[in-house]
Amino acid sequence: MSLDRAVMMFAGLMVLVSVALTHWVHPAWIWLTVFVGVNLMQASVTGFCPAAMAFRRLGVRPGQAFR
């Protein structure tokens, strides 16, 4: 799995987890979804992604977007 796919999978997982937490725990968990969305937008503009940095340290091979 490339770094790009790992970041997209992690973002999707975080969105699904936050929706579940919003539904079953407390509506304020929707802010996690907002954070993930904003982080995805800023990463697409700046190329800086903390999740990509963490996955790179774990040894995931680089993809096209995060070099």
Protein backbone atom coordinates (compact mmCIF):
# COMPACT_ATOMS: atom_id res chain seq x y z
CA MET A 1 0.00 0.00 0.00
CA SER A 2 1.35 3.42 -0.89
CA LEU A 3 1.47 6.40 1.43
CA ASP A 4 -1.29 8.16 -0.51
CA ARG A 5 -3.68 5.26 -0.12
CA ALA A 6 -2.82 4.86 3.56
CA VAL A 7 -3.60 8.53 4.22
CA MET A 8 -6.91 8.33 2.33
CA MET A 9 -7.86 5.12 4.15
CA PHE A 10 -7.01 6.66 7.53
CA ALA A 11 -9.03 9.81 6.73
CA GLY A 12 -12.01 7.71 5.66
CA LEU A 13 -11.77 5.60 8.80
CA MET A 14 -11.66 8.73 10.98
CA VAL A 15 -14.75 10.13 9.25
CA LEU A 16 -16.67 6.89 9.76
CA VAL A 17 -15.58 6.66 13.42
CA SER A 18 -16.58 10.26 14.07
CA VAL A 19 -19.99 9.75 12.45
CA ALA A 20 -20.55 6.68 14.64
CA LEU A 21 -19.44 8.58 17.75
CA THR A 22 -21.69 11.48 16.80
CA HIS A 23 -24.66 9.16 16.42
CA TRP A 24 -24.16 6.96 19.47
CA VAL A 25 -22.15 9.05 21.96
CA HIS A 26 -22.50 12.83 21.61
CA PRO A 27 -23.22 15.27 18.75
CA ALA A 28 -20.03 17.24 19.49
CA TRP A 29 -18.00 14.42 17.87
CA ILE A 30 -18.98 15.94 14.52
CA TRP A 31 -16.04 18.31 15.07
CA LEU A 32 -13.68 15.40 14.43
CA THR A 33 -15.22 15.11 10.96
CA VAL A 34 -14.74 18.84 10.45
CA PHE A 35 -11.09 18.57 11.54
CA VAL A 36 -10.42 15.70 9.14
CA GLY A 37 -12.03 17.60 6.25
CA VAL A 38 -10.08 20.78 6.94
CA ASN A 39 -6.86 18.81 7.27
CA LEU A 40 -7.51 17.11 3.91
CA MET A 41 -8.09 20.47 2.25
CA GLN A 42 -4.97 22.09 3.69
CA ALA A 43 -2.88 19.01 2.78
CA SER A 44 -4.05 19.23 -0.82
CA VAL A 45 -2.99 22.88 -0.99
CA THR A 46 0.24 22.85 1.03
CA GLY A 47 1.41 19.24 0.73
CA PHE A 48 1.93 19.10 4.52
CA CYS A 49 0.11 16.20 6.16
CA PRO A 50 0.84 15.01 9.71
CA ALA A 51 -0.69 11.59 8.97
CA ALA A 52 1.61 11.17 5.96
CA MET A 53 4.60 12.00 8.16
CA ALA A 54 3.52 9.38 10.72
CA PHE A 55 2.93 6.70 8.08
CA ARG A 56 6.30 7.49 6.48
CA ARG A 57 8.00 6.91 9.85
CA LEU A 58 6.19 3.57 10.08
CA GLY A 59 7.79 2.53 6.80
CA VAL A 60 4.95 2.95 4.30
CA ARG A 61 6.41 3.51 0.85
CA PRO A 62 5.87 6.95 -0.70
CA GLY A 63 3.25 7.55 -3.35
CA GLN A 64 2.82 10.38 -5.83
CA ALA A 65 1.27 13.05 -3.60
CA PHE A 66 3.42 13.00 -0.45
CA ARG A 67 7.11 12.92 -1.36
